[in-house]
Amino acid sequence: MKIIVDTCIWSLALRRNTVEDNPYIEELRNLIEEIRVQVIGPIRQELLSGIKSKQQFNTLKLHLEAFEDLELEAKDYELAAEYFNAARKKGIQGSNIDFLICAISSRRKMPILTTDKDFTSFQSVFPVSLHFPRG
């Protein structure tokens, strides 16, 4: 089963200068070895946005080229909007990309690897499966 890896996990592994022992980074490594990582275009965009140097941008872009983006459909965006509206009614905030990740996760039956606590809040409103480090 493929796992959607959220921006925060990639950021921990690729954008920081020092990487401490972290179970989420280790899980990302394991998922890469198992060929289970799923990337979507909006996460790729988030990762590449805001990088100060062209050299860092190109290095990160090169690393990410190893992962093919999942093709998104209109149904993914429509479900993301439904999730946004349902969460808003419950007073729960989130980004458009987070709701899109949830919609893809739900529709495609792909858990999400994330450290973002917003996803735990979303679980009280709509079905979203989270993946946690093993071990």
N, C-alpha and C. Protein backbone atom coordinates (compact mmCIF):
# COMPACT_ATOMS: atom_id res chain seq x y z
N MET A 1 0.84 -1.18 0.00
CA MET A 1 0.00 0.00 0.00
C MET A 1 0.89 1.25 0.00
N LYS A 2 0.54 2.19 -0.85
CA LYS A 2 1.27 3.45 -0.92
C LYS A 2 0.89 4.34 0.26
N ILE A 3 1.81 5.20 0.66
CA ILE A 3 1.62 6.13 1.76
C ILE A 3 1.88 7.54 1.25
N ILE A 4 0.95 8.45 1.47
CA ILE A 4 1.15 9.85 1.12
C ILE A 4 2.06 10.47 2.18
N VAL A 5 3.17 11.00 1.76
CA VAL A 5 4.12 11.62 2.68
C VAL A 5 3.89 13.13 2.65
N ASP A 6 3.50 13.67 3.79
CA ASP A 6 3.17 15.08 3.90
C ASP A 6 4.43 15.95 3.84
N THR A 7 4.23 17.20 3.52
CA THR A 7 5.31 18.17 3.37
C THR A 7 6.20 18.24 4.60
N CYS A 8 5.62 18.19 5.78
CA CYS A 8 6.41 18.33 7.00
C CYS A 8 7.44 17.21 7.15
N ILE A 9 7.11 16.01 6.69
CA ILE A 9 8.05 14.88 6.77
C ILE A 9 9.20 15.09 5.79
N TRP A 10 8.87 15.45 4.56
CA TRP A 10 9.91 15.73 3.57
C TRP A 10 10.82 16.84 4.07
N SER A 11 10.22 17.85 4.65
CA SER A 11 10.98 18.98 5.15
C SER A 11 11.97 18.54 6.23
N LEU A 12 11.51 17.69 7.13
CA LEU A 12 12.41 17.15 8.16
C LEU A 12 13.60 16.44 7.52
N ALA A 13 13.33 15.66 6.50
CA ALA A 13 14.36 14.81 5.90
C ALA A 13 15.27 15.54 4.91
N LEU A 14 14.72 16.50 4.17
CA LEU A 14 15.47 17.07 3.05
C LEU A 14 15.85 18.54 3.19
N ARG A 15 15.08 19.33 3.90
CA ARG A 15 15.34 20.76 3.89
C ARG A 15 16.15 21.24 5.09
N ARG A 16 16.23 20.47 6.12
CA ARG A 16 16.98 20.87 7.30
C ARG A 16 18.47 20.56 7.12
N ASN A 17 19.30 21.39 7.74
CA ASN A 17 20.74 21.16 7.64
C ASN A 17 21.20 19.97 8.47
N THR A 18 20.60 19.80 9.64
CA THR A 18 20.98 18.67 10.49
C THR A 18 19.75 17.79 10.70
N VAL A 19 19.99 16.51 10.60
CA VAL A 19 18.91 15.55 10.79
C VAL A 19 19.26 14.68 11.99
N GLU A 20 18.48 14.86 13.05
CA GLU A 20 18.68 14.04 14.24
C GLU A 20 17.94 12.72 14.04
N ASP A 21 18.22 11.76 14.94
CA ASP A 21 17.46 10.51 14.91
C ASP A 21 15.99 10.86 15.11
N ASN A 22 15.20 10.52 14.15
CA ASN A 22 13.79 10.85 14.19
C ASN A 22 13.02 9.67 13.60
N PRO A 23 12.04 9.13 14.33
CA PRO A 23 11.32 7.97 13.82
C PRO A 23 10.57 8.24 12.52
N TYR A 24 10.16 9.48 12.29
CA TYR A 24 9.46 9.81 11.05
C TYR A 24 10.42 9.80 9.86
N ILE A 25 11.65 10.27 10.07
CA ILE A 25 12.63 10.23 9.00
C ILE A 25 13.01 8.78 8.71
N GLU A 26 13.17 7.99 9.74
CA GLU A 26 13.48 6.57 9.55
C GLU A 26 12.34 5.87 8.81
N GLU A 27 11.11 6.21 9.15
CA GLU A 27 9.97 5.61 8.45
C GLU A 27 9.95 6.02 6.99
N LEU A 28 10.27 7.28 6.70
CA LEU A 28 10.35 7.73 5.32
C LEU A 28 11.40 6.91 4.57
N ARG A 29 12.56 6.73 5.18
CA ARG A 29 13.60 5.91 4.54
C ARG A 29 13.09 4.51 4.24
N ASN A 30 12.40 3.91 5.22
CA ASN A 30 11.86 2.56 5.03
C ASN A 30 10.84 2.53 3.89
N LEU A 31 9.96 3.53 3.86
CA LEU A 31 8.94 3.58 2.80
C LEU A 31 9.59 3.76 1.42
N ILE A 32 10.65 4.54 1.36
CA ILE A 32 11.36 4.72 0.09
C ILE A 32 11.94 3.39 -0.35
N GLU A 33 12.59 2.69 0.56
CA GLU A 33 13.18 1.38 0.23
C GLU A 33 12.11 0.39 -0.21
N GLU A 34 10.95 0.47 0.37
CA GLU A 34 9.84 -0.44 0.05
C GLU A 34 9.06 0.02 -1.18
N ILE A 35 9.43 1.14 -1.75
CA ILE A 35 8.76 1.75 -2.91
C ILE A 35 7.27 1.97 -2.59
N ARG A 36 7.01 2.59 -1.46
CA ARG A 36 5.65 2.82 -1.01
C ARG A 36 5.31 4.31 -0.87
N VAL A 37 6.24 5.18 -1.20
CA VAL A 37 6.02 6.62 -1.06
C VAL A 37 5.16 7.12 -2.21
N GLN A 38 4.15 7.92 -1.85
CA GLN A 38 3.32 8.58 -2.86
C GLN A 38 3.46 10.08 -2.72
N VAL A 39 3.74 10.74 -3.83
CA VAL A 39 3.86 12.19 -3.88
C VAL A 39 2.71 12.74 -4.70
N ILE A 40 2.24 13.91 -4.32
CA ILE A 40 1.25 14.63 -5.15
C ILE A 40 1.84 16.00 -5.48
N GLY A 41 1.41 16.55 -6.60
CA GLY A 41 1.93 17.83 -7.07
C GLY A 41 1.89 18.95 -6.04
N PRO A 42 0.77 19.13 -5.32
CA PRO A 42 0.73 20.22 -4.34
C PRO A 42 1.78 20.09 -3.23
N ILE A 43 2.11 18.87 -2.83
CA ILE A 43 3.16 18.69 -1.82
C ILE A 43 4.51 19.02 -2.44
N ARG A 44 4.73 18.60 -3.67
CA ARG A 44 5.98 18.94 -4.37
C ARG A 44 6.13 20.46 -4.43
N GLN A 45 5.05 21.16 -4.76
CA GLN A 45 5.09 22.62 -4.84
C GLN A 45 5.41 23.24 -3.48
N GLU A 46 4.77 22.74 -2.42
CA GLU A 46 5.04 23.28 -1.08
C GLU A 46 6.52 23.11 -0.72
N LEU A 47 7.07 21.95 -1.03
CA LEU A 47 8.47 21.69 -0.69
C LEU A 47 9.42 22.62 -1.43
N LEU A 48 9.13 22.88 -2.68
CA LEU A 48 10.03 23.69 -3.49
C LEU A 48 9.83 25.19 -3.30
N SER A 49 8.73 25.57 -2.69
CA SER A 49 8.44 26.99 -2.48
C SER A 49 9.25 27.54 -1.31
N GLY A 50 9.74 28.74 -1.49
CA GLY A 50 10.42 29.44 -0.41
C GLY A 50 11.88 29.07 -0.22
N ILE A 51 12.44 28.30 -1.12
CA ILE A 51 13.86 27.95 -1.00
C ILE A 51 14.68 29.13 -1.50
N LYS A 52 15.62 29.56 -0.67
CA LYS A 52 16.33 30.79 -0.95
C LYS A 52 17.35 30.70 -2.07
N SER A 53 18.11 29.62 -2.11
CA SER A 53 19.16 29.55 -3.13
C SER A 53 18.75 28.64 -4.28
N LYS A 54 19.17 29.01 -5.46
CA LYS A 54 18.89 28.23 -6.66
C LYS A 54 19.53 26.84 -6.56
N GLN A 55 20.71 26.76 -5.96
CA GLN A 55 21.40 25.48 -5.81
C GLN A 55 20.59 24.54 -4.91
N GLN A 56 20.09 25.03 -3.78
CA GLN A 56 19.26 24.20 -2.89
C GLN A 56 17.98 23.77 -3.60
N PHE A 57 17.37 24.70 -4.33
CA PHE A 57 16.16 24.39 -5.09
C PHE A 57 16.42 23.25 -6.07
N ASN A 58 17.49 23.37 -6.84
CA ASN A 58 17.81 22.35 -7.84
C ASN A 58 18.15 21.01 -7.21
N THR A 59 18.84 21.03 -6.07
CA THR A 59 19.18 19.78 -5.38
C THR A 59 17.91 19.08 -4.90
N LEU A 60 17.02 19.85 -4.28
CA LEU A 60 15.77 19.26 -3.78
C LEU A 60 14.91 18.78 -4.94
N LYS A 61 14.84 19.56 -5.98
CA LYS A 61 14.07 19.17 -7.17
C LYS A 61 14.60 17.86 -7.73
N LEU A 62 15.91 17.72 -7.77
CA LEU A 62 16.54 16.50 -8.28
C LEU A 62 16.18 15.30 -7.39
N HIS A 63 16.23 15.47 -6.07
CA HIS A 63 15.83 14.39 -5.15
C HIS A 63 14.39 13.96 -5.40
N LEU A 64 13.53 14.93 -5.59
CA LEU A 64 12.10 14.64 -5.73
C LEU A 64 11.74 14.03 -7.08
N GLU A 65 12.61 14.20 -8.07
CA GLU A 65 12.33 13.63 -9.39
C GLU A 65 12.23 12.11 -9.38
N ALA A 66 12.76 11.49 -8.34
CA ALA A 66 12.68 10.03 -8.22
C ALA A 66 11.26 9.55 -7.92
N PHE A 67 10.38 10.47 -7.54
CA PHE A 67 9.02 10.11 -7.15
C PHE A 67 8.01 10.69 -8.13
N GLU A 68 7.22 9.82 -8.72
CA GLU A 68 6.20 10.24 -9.67
C GLU A 68 4.97 10.76 -8.93
N ASP A 69 4.40 11.83 -9.44
CA ASP A 69 3.18 12.39 -8.85
C ASP A 69 1.98 11.53 -9.18
N LEU A 70 1.09 11.40 -8.22
CA LEU A 70 -0.20 10.77 -8.45
C LEU A 70 -1.04 11.74 -9.28
N GLU A 71 -1.67 11.24 -10.32
CA GLU A 71 -2.52 12.10 -11.14
C GLU A 71 -3.81 12.38 -10.38
N LEU A 72 -4.11 13.65 -10.20
CA LEU A 72 -5.31 14.06 -9.47
C LEU A 72 -6.48 14.22 -10.43
N GLU A 73 -7.66 14.00 -9.89
CA GLU A 73 -8.89 14.09 -10.68
C GLU A 73 -9.81 15.15 -10.08
N ALA A 74 -10.79 15.56 -10.85
CA ALA A 74 -11.77 16.54 -10.37
C ALA A 74 -12.43 16.06 -9.08
N LYS A 75 -12.68 14.76 -8.96
CA LYS A 75 -13.31 14.21 -7.76
C LYS A 75 -12.47 14.47 -6.51
N ASP A 76 -11.16 14.49 -6.66
CA ASP A 76 -10.28 14.77 -5.51
C ASP A 76 -10.51 16.19 -5.01
N TYR A 77 -10.58 17.14 -5.93
CA TYR A 77 -10.77 18.54 -5.56
C TYR A 77 -12.18 18.77 -5.01
N GLU A 78 -13.16 18.11 -5.58
CA GLU A 78 -14.54 18.25 -5.09
C GLU A 78 -14.69 17.71 -3.68
N LEU A 79 -14.08 16.55 -3.42
CA LEU A 79 -14.15 15.98 -2.08
C LEU A 79 -13.38 16.85 -1.09
N ALA A 80 -12.26 17.42 -1.52
CA ALA A 80 -11.49 18.33 -0.66
C ALA A 80 -12.35 19.53 -0.26
N ALA A 81 -13.12 20.07 -1.19
CA ALA A 81 -14.00 21.19 -0.87
C ALA A 81 -15.10 20.76 0.10
N GLU A 82 -15.64 19.56 -0.08
CA GLU A 82 -16.64 19.04 0.87
C GLU A 82 -16.03 18.93 2.26
N TYR A 83 -14.81 18.41 2.33
CA TYR A 83 -14.13 18.27 3.63
C TYR A 83 -13.87 19.63 4.26
N PHE A 84 -13.46 20.60 3.45
CA PHE A 84 -13.24 21.96 3.95
C PHE A 84 -14.53 22.49 4.58
N ASN A 85 -15.65 22.34 3.86
CA ASN A 85 -16.93 22.86 4.34
C ASN A 85 -17.38 22.14 5.62
N ALA A 86 -17.20 20.83 5.66
CA ALA A 86 -17.60 20.05 6.84
C ALA A 86 -16.76 20.44 8.06
N ALA A 87 -15.46 20.62 7.86
CA ALA A 87 -14.58 21.00 8.96
C ALA A 87 -14.91 22.41 9.44
N ARG A 88 -15.17 23.29 8.51
CA ARG A 88 -15.49 24.68 8.87
C ARG A 88 -16.75 24.75 9.73
N LYS A 89 -17.75 23.91 9.39
CA LYS A 89 -18.99 23.87 10.19
C LYS A 89 -18.71 23.45 11.62
N LYS A 90 -17.67 22.66 11.82
CA LYS A 90 -17.29 22.19 13.15
C LYS A 90 -16.27 23.11 13.81
N GLY A 91 -15.91 24.21 13.14
CA GLY A 91 -14.95 25.15 13.68
C GLY A 91 -13.50 24.70 13.56
N ILE A 92 -13.25 23.76 12.66
CA ILE A 92 -11.90 23.23 12.46
C ILE A 92 -11.30 23.86 11.21
N GLN A 93 -10.12 24.45 11.36
CA GLN A 93 -9.44 25.13 10.26
C GLN A 93 -8.38 24.22 9.66
N GLY A 94 -8.07 24.46 8.40
CA GLY A 94 -7.00 23.73 7.73
C GLY A 94 -6.71 24.40 6.40
N SER A 95 -5.61 24.01 5.80
CA SER A 95 -5.25 24.58 4.51
C SER A 95 -5.95 23.81 3.39
N ASN A 96 -6.09 24.46 2.25
CA ASN A 96 -6.69 23.78 1.09
C ASN A 96 -5.89 22.54 0.71
N ILE A 97 -4.57 22.63 0.80
CA ILE A 97 -3.75 21.47 0.45
C ILE A 97 -3.97 20.34 1.45
N ASP A 98 -4.10 20.66 2.73
CA ASP A 98 -4.37 19.61 3.72
C ASP A 98 -5.68 18.89 3.43
N PHE A 99 -6.70 19.64 3.05
CA PHE A 99 -7.98 19.00 2.73
C PHE A 99 -7.87 18.18 1.44
N LEU A 100 -7.07 18.64 0.50
CA LEU A 100 -6.84 17.86 -0.72
C LEU A 100 -6.11 16.55 -0.38
N ILE A 101 -5.12 16.62 0.49
CA ILE A 101 -4.41 15.41 0.93
C ILE A 101 -5.39 14.43 1.57
N CYS A 102 -6.28 14.95 2.41
CA CYS A 102 -7.27 14.09 3.07
C CYS A 102 -8.21 13.45 2.05
N ALA A 103 -8.64 14.22 1.07
CA ALA A 103 -9.54 13.69 0.05
C ALA A 103 -8.86 12.57 -0.74
N ILE A 104 -7.62 12.78 -1.11
CA ILE A 104 -6.88 11.76 -1.85
C ILE A 104 -6.70 10.52 -0.98
N SER A 105 -6.34 10.74 0.26
CA SER A 105 -6.17 9.63 1.20
C SER A 105 -7.45 8.80 1.31
N SER A 106 -8.56 9.48 1.45
CA SER A 106 -9.85 8.81 1.61
C SER A 106 -10.26 8.08 0.33
N ARG A 107 -10.21 8.78 -0.79
CA ARG A 107 -10.64 8.19 -2.07
C ARG A 107 -9.75 7.04 -2.52
N ARG A 108 -8.45 7.18 -2.31
CA ARG A 108 -7.49 6.21 -2.84
C ARG A 108 -7.05 5.18 -1.80
N LYS A 109 -7.60 5.30 -0.59
CA LYS A 109 -7.25 4.38 0.50
C LYS A 109 -5.74 4.37 0.76
N MET A 110 -5.17 5.58 0.88
CA MET A 110 -3.74 5.74 1.15
C MET A 110 -3.58 6.51 2.45
N PRO A 111 -2.99 5.89 3.46
CA PRO A 111 -2.74 6.62 4.71
C PRO A 111 -1.73 7.76 4.49
N ILE A 112 -1.69 8.67 5.45
CA ILE A 112 -0.83 9.85 5.38
C ILE A 112 0.22 9.76 6.48
N LEU A 113 1.48 9.96 6.12
CA LEU A 113 2.55 10.08 7.11
C LEU A 113 2.77 11.56 7.35
N THR A 114 2.49 12.00 8.56
CA THR A 114 2.58 13.42 8.88
C THR A 114 2.85 13.61 10.37
N THR A 115 3.41 14.77 10.70
CA THR A 115 3.52 15.17 12.11
C THR A 115 2.55 16.32 12.39
N ASP A 116 1.79 16.73 11.40
CA ASP A 116 0.84 17.84 11.51
C ASP A 116 -0.38 17.39 12.30
N LYS A 117 -0.57 17.99 13.47
CA LYS A 117 -1.68 17.61 14.37
C LYS A 117 -3.05 17.96 13.80
N ASP A 118 -3.11 18.82 12.79
CA ASP A 118 -4.40 19.15 12.18
C ASP A 118 -5.09 17.90 11.63
N PHE A 119 -4.30 16.95 11.14
CA PHE A 119 -4.89 15.75 10.55
C PHE A 119 -5.63 14.91 11.59
N THR A 120 -5.17 14.95 12.83
CA THR A 120 -5.87 14.27 13.91
C THR A 120 -7.22 14.93 14.15
N SER A 121 -7.26 16.25 14.09
CA SER A 121 -8.53 16.98 14.23
C SER A 121 -9.48 16.64 13.10
N PHE A 122 -8.96 16.52 11.90
CA PHE A 122 -9.80 16.20 10.74
C PHE A 122 -10.49 14.86 10.90
N GLN A 123 -9.85 13.93 11.58
CA GLN A 123 -10.41 12.59 11.75
C GLN A 123 -11.75 12.62 12.49
N SER A 124 -12.01 13.67 13.26
CA SER A 124 -13.28 13.77 13.97
C SER A 124 -14.42 14.22 13.05
N VAL A 125 -14.07 14.64 11.82
CA VAL A 125 -15.07 15.17 10.91
C VAL A 125 -15.29 14.26 9.69
N PHE A 126 -14.22 13.67 9.18
CA PHE A 126 -14.32 12.82 7.99
C PHE A 126 -13.26 11.73 8.06
N PRO A 127 -13.43 10.67 7.25
CA PRO A 127 -12.49 9.55 7.34
C PRO A 127 -11.14 9.89 6.70
N VAL A 128 -10.12 9.80 7.51
CA VAL A 128 -8.75 9.98 7.02
C VAL A 128 -7.87 9.04 7.83
N SER A 129 -7.02 8.31 7.13
CA SER A 129 -6.17 7.32 7.77
C SER A 129 -4.74 7.86 7.88
N LEU A 130 -4.16 7.74 9.06
CA LEU A 130 -2.79 8.19 9.29
C LEU A 130 -1.87 6.99 9.41
N HIS A 131 -0.65 7.18 8.95
CA HIS A 131 0.39 6.15 9.06
C HIS A 131 1.42 6.65 10.06
N PHE A 132 1.84 5.78 10.95
CA PHE A 132 2.80 6.15 11.98
C PHE A 132 4.06 5.32 11.83
N PRO A 133 5.19 5.85 12.32
CA PRO A 133 6.43 5.08 12.25
C PRO A 133 6.27 3.72 12.92
N ARG A 134 6.84 2.72 12.28
CA ARG A 134 6.82 1.37 12.83
C ARG A 134 8.05 1.21 13.70
N GLY A 135 7.83 0.71 14.87
CA GLY A 135 8.97 0.41 15.74
C GLY A 135 9.44 1.48 16.62
